[in-house]
Amino acid sequence: MQIDRSIKDYLAGFDVWKSPWEAENFINNSLWRIQRTLQLLQKYVPKGGKVLELGAAPYYTTLLLKKFTDYQIHITDYLEELESQREREVVLTNPTYGETFRFPSYSLNLEKDPLPFEANTFDAVLCCEILEHLAMDPAYMIYQIHRVLKKDAGILILTTPNVIRFENIVHLLGKRTVYHPYSGYGIYGRHNKEYTPQEVKTLLEACYYEIKELETGLYGMKPPLQLPGVPARVSEIVDKAWNRALDFLYQTLFKDRREALFVVARAYGESRPVFPEGIYAYMHVFYRFIYYYDNNIKDETSLRCVRGWYPLEEWNTGFHRWTQKEAVAYLRNNGKRKLVLICYVGGTRLEKFSGSLFINGELVKRFELEGKWWRQIEHRLEKIYTEPELEIKISMDRTWVPGGGDPRELGIAVRSLVLIE
């Protein structure tokens, strides 16, 4: 599908913005990006595929998908005033064309709300112009997308501004900021972090995606050059020459410097959140805020620590309990199939500590931890357990002594031991 003036007028006929200039500005600055997104979708996902579009408002991509393709479309939004109203119906009307579309939608905060869909559901997820708005934790959204994509086949199409674009270089050389102003739409109304191509690649590959394509491109329709006091024909010739020169520069000296990043990635393996260094920092504090799993070490209704545990402690990361060399707990069996252990080990940053996980007396996983860092250990249950509680034993190969008047022989600090998915 080619974007032209008729498509622009068609989309402008839907009253989805609070003011007309916002609609015109968005359409002008987004049409080429939308066109390229749809081209990539049609390249990788067969007709009739099941597609989830995240952050769909103002629904221009949704409308074009509905009108010109036969994909099965599902959408989510984030509308702060509707945050408590999770399920709703989006109704879009174009009086000029006599068309009305209705879409069921979910209002979600993608940094903390799980996607309300079963695992292994979608052929593709569109995540367009969302990543840069996230304020704290992009890995949670990437993890949730992986979970709902079809296993080892689902495609993520992601677009986001390219922070090393030529325009930003010009701004910095001109001593102008490249950061976005504060927004009347709140914390998610501005770009909180823009990414380099390598950063997006690092984030996705760390979270078990295979990069199929990563390219830079344009966002919207650029107005033709108008030189004051010069005939229109001359301005047109100069405009074409300027655009050819820019294309040459983008392909040579300024490669990877176009304004938008387009990424196609295939999800593979197990879905899990990973926090790559360089994108995340101060992880020992970060675990205080993440929403993945409950800090359930203090909740005796779901986890009973029966032997080999020291008393409950509280850090700025939340509650935890240290184990001895071996520790046993009984975990309530909720029928889910992935065991997750959030833990920390002392010693120095260069030290490595090894240990084992047992379920009902059977060794299920060996693991290795580095000192001075919170880590996440996962094990996918290979059998179905029918017992109301599972006996979980943590066995460390060695202990360490913190010193400073503390004579305890410690294994690991545990803040969460849960079954998910």
Protein backbone atom coordinates (compact mmCIF):
# COMPACT_ATOMS: atom_id res chain seq x y z
CA MET A 1 0.00 0.00 0.00
CA GLN A 2 1.36 3.42 -0.99
CA ILE A 3 0.65 6.44 1.19
CA ASP A 4 -0.58 9.42 -0.85
CA ARG A 5 -2.68 12.55 -0.42
CA SER A 6 -5.94 10.60 -0.53
CA ILE A 7 -4.81 8.43 2.41
CA LYS A 8 -3.82 11.54 4.34
CA ASP A 9 -7.25 13.11 3.77
CA TYR A 10 -8.95 9.84 4.68
CA LEU A 11 -7.19 9.59 8.04
CA ALA A 12 -7.72 13.28 8.80
CA GLY A 13 -11.47 12.66 8.50
CA PHE A 14 -11.47 10.69 11.78
CA ASP A 15 -11.89 12.96 14.80
CA VAL A 16 -9.39 11.40 17.21
CA TRP A 17 -7.43 14.46 18.39
CA LYS A 18 -8.36 17.27 20.74
CA SER A 19 -7.38 19.87 18.13
CA PRO A 20 -7.12 19.82 14.29
CA TRP A 21 -3.50 21.00 14.23
CA GLU A 22 -2.45 18.00 16.36
CA ALA A 23 -4.05 15.66 13.82
CA GLU A 24 -2.39 17.36 10.84
CA ASN A 25 0.99 17.47 12.58
CA PHE A 26 0.85 13.79 13.53
CA ILE A 27 -0.24 12.65 10.07
CA ASN A 28 2.43 14.71 8.29
CA ASN A 29 5.14 13.41 10.62
CA SER A 30 4.07 9.75 10.61
CA LEU A 31 2.79 8.64 7.22
CA TRP A 32 6.03 7.28 5.80
CA ARG A 33 6.75 5.49 9.05
CA ILE A 34 3.29 3.89 8.97
CA GLN A 35 3.77 2.88 5.33
CA ARG A 36 7.11 1.20 6.04
CA THR A 37 5.65 -0.55 9.10
CA LEU A 38 2.83 -2.03 7.02
CA GLN A 39 5.29 -3.09 4.30
CA LEU A 40 7.36 -4.99 6.87
CA LEU A 41 4.25 -6.57 8.38
CA GLN A 42 3.06 -7.82 5.00
CA LYS A 43 6.56 -9.10 4.21
CA TYR A 44 6.82 -11.28 7.32
CA VAL A 45 3.24 -12.15 8.31
CA PRO A 46 0.89 -14.04 5.97
CA LYS A 47 -2.62 -12.86 5.21
CA GLY A 48 -5.14 -13.60 7.93
CA GLY A 49 -2.48 -13.56 10.65
CA LYS A 50 -3.27 -12.47 14.19
CA VAL A 51 -1.73 -9.05 14.95
CA LEU A 52 -1.53 -7.11 18.21
CA GLU A 53 -0.92 -3.36 17.99
CA LEU A 54 0.33 -1.78 21.23
CA GLY A 55 -0.35 1.86 22.05
CA ALA A 56 -2.66 2.10 19.07
CA ALA A 57 -3.95 5.66 19.63
CA PRO A 58 -4.52 7.71 17.47
CA TYR A 59 -5.40 4.52 15.56
CA TYR A 60 -4.14 5.51 12.09
CA THR A 61 -2.19 2.27 11.67
CA THR A 62 -5.21 0.38 13.04
CA LEU A 63 -7.53 2.02 10.53
CA LEU A 64 -5.28 1.25 7.56
CA LEU A 65 -4.87 -2.35 8.72
CA LYS A 66 -8.63 -2.70 9.02
CA LYS A 67 -9.40 -1.07 5.66
CA PHE A 68 -6.66 -2.52 3.46
CA THR A 69 -5.67 -5.90 4.99
CA ASP A 70 -7.38 -9.01 6.32
CA TYR A 71 -5.29 -9.39 9.48
CA GLN A 72 -7.07 -10.21 12.74
CA ILE A 73 -6.39 -7.02 14.71
CA HIS A 74 -6.23 -6.56 18.49
CA ILE A 75 -5.17 -3.30 20.14
CA THR A 76 -4.15 -1.75 23.46
CA ASP A 77 -3.96 1.90 24.57
CA TYR A 78 -2.59 3.90 27.42
CA LEU A 79 -5.03 6.64 28.35
CA GLU A 80 -4.26 7.95 31.81
CA GLU A 81 -7.80 9.09 32.51
CA LEU A 82 -9.04 5.56 31.69
CA GLU A 83 -6.36 3.62 33.55
CA SER A 84 -8.87 1.95 35.87
CA GLN A 85 -11.21 1.14 32.96
CA ARG A 86 -9.10 -1.62 31.49
CA GLU A 87 -11.51 -2.90 28.84
CA ARG A 88 -13.32 -0.52 26.53
CA GLU A 89 -14.58 -0.09 22.99
CA VAL A 90 -12.94 2.37 20.61
CA VAL A 91 -15.40 3.83 18.10
CA LEU A 92 -13.95 5.74 15.13
CA THR A 93 -16.19 7.54 12.64
CA ASN A 94 -15.39 9.28 9.36
CA PRO A 95 -18.50 11.24 8.26
CA THR A 96 -17.02 12.11 4.85
CA TYR A 97 -16.62 8.45 3.90
CA GLY A 98 -19.61 7.25 5.90
CA GLU A 99 -17.48 4.73 7.81
CA THR A 100 -17.53 3.63 11.44
CA PHE A 101 -15.09 1.16 12.98
CA ARG A 102 -15.32 -0.46 16.41
CA PHE A 103 -12.32 -1.99 18.15
CA PRO A 104 -12.24 -3.68 21.56
CA SER A 105 -9.24 -2.31 23.44
CA TYR A 106 -7.42 -2.55 26.75
CA SER A 107 -6.03 0.49 28.55
CA LEU A 108 -2.64 -0.63 29.89
CA ASN A 109 0.57 0.79 31.29
CA LEU A 110 3.07 -1.32 29.36
CA GLU A 111 5.77 -0.82 32.00
CA LYS A 112 3.84 -2.68 34.67
CA ASP A 113 0.60 -4.23 33.36
CA PRO A 114 0.72 -7.74 31.87
CA LEU A 115 -0.73 -8.09 28.39
CA PRO A 116 -4.23 -9.60 28.82
CA PHE A 117 -3.67 -12.40 26.32
CA GLU A 118 -2.63 -16.02 26.55
CA ALA A 119 0.92 -17.05 25.74
CA ASN A 120 1.69 -18.17 22.18
CA THR A 121 -1.20 -16.18 20.65
CA PHE A 122 -0.03 -13.67 18.01
CA ASP A 123 1.76 -13.93 14.68
CA ALA A 124 3.02 -10.36 15.08
CA VAL A 125 3.11 -7.51 17.57
CA LEU A 126 3.46 -3.89 16.43
CA CYS A 127 5.29 -1.73 18.96
CA CYS A 128 5.50 1.62 17.19
CA GLU A 129 6.72 4.82 18.85
CA ILE A 130 6.37 3.44 22.39
CA LEU A 131 9.85 2.44 23.51
CA GLU A 132 11.11 6.02 23.75
CA HIS A 133 8.22 7.01 26.04
CA LEU A 134 8.93 4.38 28.72
CA ALA A 135 10.35 5.93 31.85
CA MET A 136 11.78 3.03 33.84
CA ASP A 137 11.62 -0.52 32.48
CA PRO A 138 11.45 -1.36 28.75
CA ALA A 139 12.41 -5.00 29.39
CA TYR A 140 9.04 -5.72 30.99
CA MET A 141 7.19 -4.72 27.81
CA ILE A 142 9.66 -6.66 25.64
CA TYR A 143 9.21 -9.69 27.91
CA GLN A 144 5.41 -9.50 27.73
CA ILE A 145 5.52 -9.19 23.93
CA HIS A 146 7.72 -12.29 23.75
CA ARG A 147 5.26 -14.18 25.94
CA VAL A 148 2.23 -13.54 23.70
CA LEU A 149 4.04 -14.10 20.39
CA LYS A 150 3.82 -17.55 18.84
CA LYS A 151 6.71 -19.63 20.09
CA ASP A 152 9.81 -19.48 17.88
CA ALA A 153 7.83 -17.89 15.04
CA GLY A 154 6.16 -14.67 16.20
CA ILE A 155 7.46 -11.39 14.79
CA LEU A 156 7.97 -8.11 16.63
CA ILE A 157 7.98 -4.96 14.49
CA LEU A 158 9.32 -2.04 16.50
CA THR A 159 9.84 1.58 15.52
CA THR A 160 11.46 4.29 17.62
CA PRO A 161 13.42 7.52 17.04
CA ASN A 162 17.11 7.15 16.24
CA VAL A 163 18.99 9.19 18.84
CA ILE A 164 22.09 9.48 16.60
CA ARG A 165 20.08 10.89 13.70
CA PHE A 166 21.64 13.66 11.61
CA GLU A 167 19.18 16.21 13.00
CA ASN A 168 20.41 15.63 16.57
CA ILE A 169 24.03 16.04 15.51
CA VAL A 170 23.17 19.39 13.94
CA HIS A 171 21.35 20.45 17.12
CA LEU A 172 24.32 19.58 19.32
CA LEU A 173 26.77 21.36 17.02
CA GLY A 174 24.49 24.38 17.21
CA LYS A 175 24.51 24.17 21.04
CA ARG A 176 20.82 23.22 21.14
CA THR A 177 19.37 20.46 23.28
CA VAL A 178 18.23 17.13 21.86
CA TYR A 179 16.04 16.35 24.87
CA HIS A 180 12.27 16.69 24.77
CA PRO A 181 10.44 19.31 26.85
CA TYR A 182 8.09 18.36 29.67
CA SER A 183 4.66 17.42 28.36
CA GLY A 184 1.16 18.42 29.36
CA TYR A 185 0.25 14.78 28.68
CA GLY A 186 2.34 13.69 31.68
CA ILE A 187 5.44 11.56 32.09
CA TYR A 188 4.57 9.35 29.12
CA GLY A 189 3.83 12.33 26.88
CA ARG A 190 7.52 13.00 26.25
CA HIS A 191 10.49 10.97 25.01
CA ASN A 192 12.15 9.74 28.20
CA LYS A 193 14.95 7.84 26.43
CA GLU A 194 15.82 7.59 22.76
CA TYR A 195 18.01 4.72 21.56
CA THR A 196 20.89 4.09 19.21
CA PRO A 197 20.52 1.22 16.73
CA GLN A 198 23.01 -0.81 18.77
CA GLU A 199 21.08 -0.25 22.02
CA VAL A 200 17.84 -1.54 20.50
CA LYS A 201 19.71 -4.54 19.12
CA THR A 202 21.30 -5.20 22.53
CA LEU A 203 17.97 -4.98 24.37
CA LEU A 204 16.13 -7.31 22.01
CA GLU A 205 18.90 -9.89 21.67
CA ALA A 206 19.31 -10.02 25.45
CA CYS A 207 15.58 -10.77 25.76
CA TYR A 208 15.75 -13.68 23.27
CA TYR A 209 14.88 -12.10 19.96
CA GLU A 210 16.64 -12.76 16.67
CA ILE A 211 17.09 -9.56 14.65
CA LYS A 212 15.81 -10.09 11.11
CA GLU A 213 16.09 -6.48 9.91
CA LEU A 214 17.32 -3.24 11.46
CA GLU A 215 17.26 -0.12 9.32
CA THR A 216 16.91 3.62 9.60
CA GLY A 217 14.34 5.60 7.66
CA LEU A 218 12.09 8.64 7.54
CA TYR A 219 9.01 9.47 9.54
CA GLY A 220 6.76 11.77 7.58
CA MET A 221 6.05 13.80 4.50
CA LYS A 222 8.54 16.63 4.12
CA PRO A 223 7.13 19.87 2.65
CA PRO A 224 8.74 20.88 -0.66
CA LEU A 225 11.46 23.51 -0.50
CA GLN A 226 10.18 27.04 -1.14
CA LEU A 227 12.92 29.60 -1.84
CA PRO A 228 11.75 33.20 -1.27
CA GLY A 229 11.68 35.29 -4.43
CA VAL A 230 12.54 32.30 -6.64
CA PRO A 231 10.21 30.80 -9.29
CA ALA A 232 8.47 27.59 -8.22
CA ARG A 233 10.16 25.57 -10.98
CA VAL A 234 13.62 26.60 -9.75
CA SER A 235 12.66 25.76 -6.15
CA GLU A 236 11.50 22.32 -7.32
CA ILE A 237 14.83 21.65 -9.09
CA VAL A 238 16.80 22.76 -6.02
CA ASP A 239 14.57 20.64 -3.77
CA LYS A 240 15.18 17.49 -5.85
CA ALA A 241 18.94 18.14 -5.95
CA TRP A 242 19.00 18.68 -2.18
CA ASN A 243 17.11 15.44 -1.54
CA ARG A 244 19.46 13.50 -3.84
CA ALA A 245 22.43 14.95 -1.96
CA LEU A 246 20.88 13.96 1.37
CA ASP A 247 20.24 10.42 0.12
CA PHE A 248 23.89 10.16 -0.93
CA LEU A 249 25.08 11.42 2.46
CA TYR A 250 22.78 9.01 4.33
CA GLN A 251 24.16 6.10 2.31
CA THR A 252 27.81 7.08 2.81
CA LEU A 253 29.00 9.53 5.46
CA PHE A 254 25.81 9.50 7.54
CA LYS A 255 24.88 5.85 7.33
CA ASP A 256 22.46 4.87 10.12
CA ARG A 257 21.72 8.57 10.72
CA ARG A 258 18.13 8.74 9.44
CA GLU A 259 15.53 9.77 11.97
CA ALA A 260 13.59 6.54 12.61
CA LEU A 261 14.64 3.01 13.55
CA PHE A 262 12.72 0.08 12.04
CA VAL A 263 13.37 -3.30 13.62
CA VAL A 264 11.98 -6.72 12.76
CA ALA A 265 12.79 -9.45 15.29
CA ARG A 266 11.70 -13.05 15.80
CA ALA A 267 10.99 -14.25 19.33
CA TYR A 268 12.62 -17.57 20.23
CA GLY A 269 13.18 -19.67 23.33
CA GLU A 270 11.52 -18.89 26.66
CA SER A 271 10.15 -15.44 27.46
CA ARG A 272 12.12 -13.79 30.24
CA PRO A 273 13.04 -10.26 31.30
CA VAL A 274 16.74 -9.47 31.01
CA PHE A 275 18.41 -6.18 31.97
CA PRO A 276 21.43 -5.48 29.73
CA GLU A 277 24.28 -3.44 31.15
CA GLY A 278 24.50 -0.02 29.56
CA ILE A 279 20.72 0.20 29.31
CA TYR A 280 20.11 -0.57 33.00
CA ALA A 281 22.15 0.55 36.00
CA TYR A 282 21.95 0.31 39.81
CA MET A 283 20.10 -2.98 39.59
CA HIS A 284 20.46 -3.63 43.32
CA VAL A 285 17.98 -0.77 43.80
CA PHE A 286 15.97 -1.47 40.66
CA TYR A 287 14.51 -4.71 42.02
CA ARG A 288 12.71 -2.63 44.61
CA PHE A 289 10.50 -1.20 41.89
CA ILE A 290 9.97 -3.89 39.27
CA TYR A 291 6.56 -5.44 38.81
CA TYR A 292 7.47 -8.89 37.51
CA TYR A 293 7.07 -10.92 40.65
CA ASP A 294 5.86 -10.35 44.18
CA ASN A 295 8.41 -9.89 46.95
CA ASN A 296 6.85 -12.98 48.55
CA ILE A 297 9.62 -14.08 50.92
CA LYS A 298 7.59 -12.63 53.82
CA ASP A 299 4.26 -14.12 52.68
CA GLU A 300 3.83 -17.39 54.57
CA THR A 301 0.56 -18.15 52.77
CA SER A 302 2.47 -18.76 49.52
CA LEU A 303 5.98 -19.65 50.77
CA ARG A 304 6.87 -21.42 54.02
CA CYS A 305 10.57 -21.31 54.91
CA VAL A 306 11.00 -24.40 57.10
CA ARG A 307 14.73 -24.90 57.66
CA GLY A 308 18.10 -23.43 56.78
CA TRP A 309 16.90 -19.81 56.74
CA TYR A 310 18.01 -16.77 58.71
CA PRO A 311 15.40 -14.26 60.00
CA LEU A 312 13.63 -11.84 57.66
CA GLU A 313 15.57 -8.64 56.85
CA GLU A 314 14.69 -5.45 55.01
CA TRP A 315 16.93 -3.49 52.63
CA ASN A 316 16.02 -0.67 50.27
CA THR A 317 15.36 -3.45 47.75
CA GLY A 318 12.54 -4.86 49.90
CA PHE A 319 12.41 -7.88 52.20
CA HIS A 320 14.72 -10.88 51.90
CA ARG A 321 16.00 -13.86 53.87
CA TRP A 322 19.50 -15.31 53.77
CA THR A 323 19.90 -19.05 53.40
CA GLN A 324 22.46 -21.23 55.08
CA LYS A 325 24.42 -23.68 52.92
CA GLU A 326 21.13 -25.52 52.39
CA ALA A 327 17.61 -24.19 52.82
CA VAL A 328 14.21 -25.79 52.34
CA ALA A 329 10.88 -24.06 51.71
CA TYR A 330 7.39 -25.18 50.73
CA LEU A 331 5.93 -23.22 47.81
CA ARG A 332 2.19 -23.18 47.17
CA ASN A 333 1.45 -24.95 43.88
CA ASN A 334 -0.66 -22.56 41.76
CA GLY A 335 -0.48 -24.78 38.67
CA LYS A 336 1.91 -22.51 36.78
CA ARG A 337 4.96 -23.93 35.08
CA LYS A 338 7.94 -21.59 35.51
CA LEU A 339 9.86 -21.42 38.80
CA VAL A 340 11.57 -18.06 39.34
CA LEU A 341 14.10 -17.30 42.08
CA ILE A 342 15.24 -13.68 42.65
CA CYS A 343 18.40 -13.82 44.73
CA TYR A 344 21.60 -12.03 45.72
CA VAL A 345 24.99 -13.31 46.81
CA GLY A 346 27.71 -11.47 48.70
CA GLY A 347 31.47 -11.74 48.41
CA THR A 348 33.31 -9.63 45.85
CA ARG A 349 32.12 -8.76 42.36
CA LEU A 350 34.66 -11.15 40.87
CA GLU A 351 33.66 -14.16 42.95
CA LYS A 352 31.39 -16.84 41.53
CA PHE A 353 29.05 -18.99 43.60
CA SER A 354 27.44 -22.19 42.36
CA GLY A 355 24.41 -24.00 43.65
CA SER A 356 21.55 -26.38 42.90
CA LEU A 357 17.76 -26.28 42.93
CA PHE A 358 15.74 -29.32 43.95
CA ILE A 359 11.98 -29.88 43.64
CA ASN A 360 10.53 -32.64 45.81
CA GLY A 361 14.03 -34.05 46.30
CA GLU A 362 14.89 -34.13 42.58
CA LEU A 363 17.72 -32.01 41.16
CA VAL A 364 16.21 -29.74 38.48
CA LYS A 365 18.79 -27.00 37.89
CA ARG A 366 22.41 -26.04 38.49
CA PHE A 367 23.18 -22.32 38.58
CA GLU A 368 26.10 -19.94 38.95
CA LEU A 369 25.99 -16.44 40.45
CA GLU A 370 28.42 -13.54 40.56
CA GLY A 371 28.90 -11.61 43.78
CA LYS A 372 27.30 -8.27 44.71
CA TRP A 373 24.36 -8.43 42.30
CA TRP A 374 20.69 -9.42 42.28
CA ARG A 375 20.04 -12.22 39.81
CA GLN A 376 17.08 -14.07 38.39
CA ILE A 377 17.14 -17.87 38.11
CA GLU A 378 14.42 -19.63 36.12
CA HIS A 379 13.41 -23.24 35.59
CA ARG A 380 10.60 -24.45 33.35
CA LEU A 381 8.85 -27.37 35.08
CA GLU A 382 9.19 -30.50 32.97
CA LYS A 383 6.49 -32.45 34.78
CA ILE A 384 3.07 -31.71 36.21
CA TYR A 385 2.99 -31.63 40.00
CA THR A 386 -0.33 -32.33 41.71
CA GLU A 387 0.74 -31.70 45.31
CA PRO A 388 -0.70 -28.56 46.96
CA GLU A 389 2.85 -27.55 47.95
CA LEU A 390 6.23 -28.15 46.32
CA GLU A 391 9.32 -28.76 48.43
CA ILE A 392 12.03 -26.43 47.11
CA LYS A 393 15.59 -26.96 48.31
CA ILE A 394 18.40 -24.50 47.59
CA SER A 395 21.83 -26.05 48.03
CA MET A 396 24.95 -23.88 47.68
CA ASP A 397 28.34 -25.42 46.96
CA ARG A 398 29.94 -23.11 49.52
CA THR A 399 29.08 -20.30 51.92
CA TRP A 400 30.70 -16.96 52.73
CA VAL A 401 31.11 -14.93 55.92
CA PRO A 402 30.28 -11.20 55.69
CA GLY A 403 32.68 -10.17 58.48
CA GLY A 404 32.43 -6.89 60.35
CA GLY A 405 31.27 -8.68 63.46
CA ASP A 406 28.74 -10.84 61.58
CA PRO A 407 29.85 -14.49 62.03
CA ARG A 408 27.06 -16.06 59.97
CA GLU A 409 27.84 -18.49 57.17
CA LEU A 410 25.61 -17.29 54.36
CA GLY A 411 24.37 -18.83 51.15
CA ILE A 412 22.16 -16.47 49.11
CA ALA A 413 19.63 -13.75 49.93
CA VAL A 414 16.18 -14.60 48.52
CA ARG A 415 13.49 -11.97 47.91
CA SER A 416 11.14 -13.96 45.65
CA LEU A 417 10.50 -17.63 44.95
CA VAL A 418 7.42 -17.92 42.75
CA LEU A 419 5.67 -19.94 40.07
CA ILE A 420 4.56 -17.93 37.04
CA GLU A 421 3.04 -18.53 33.58
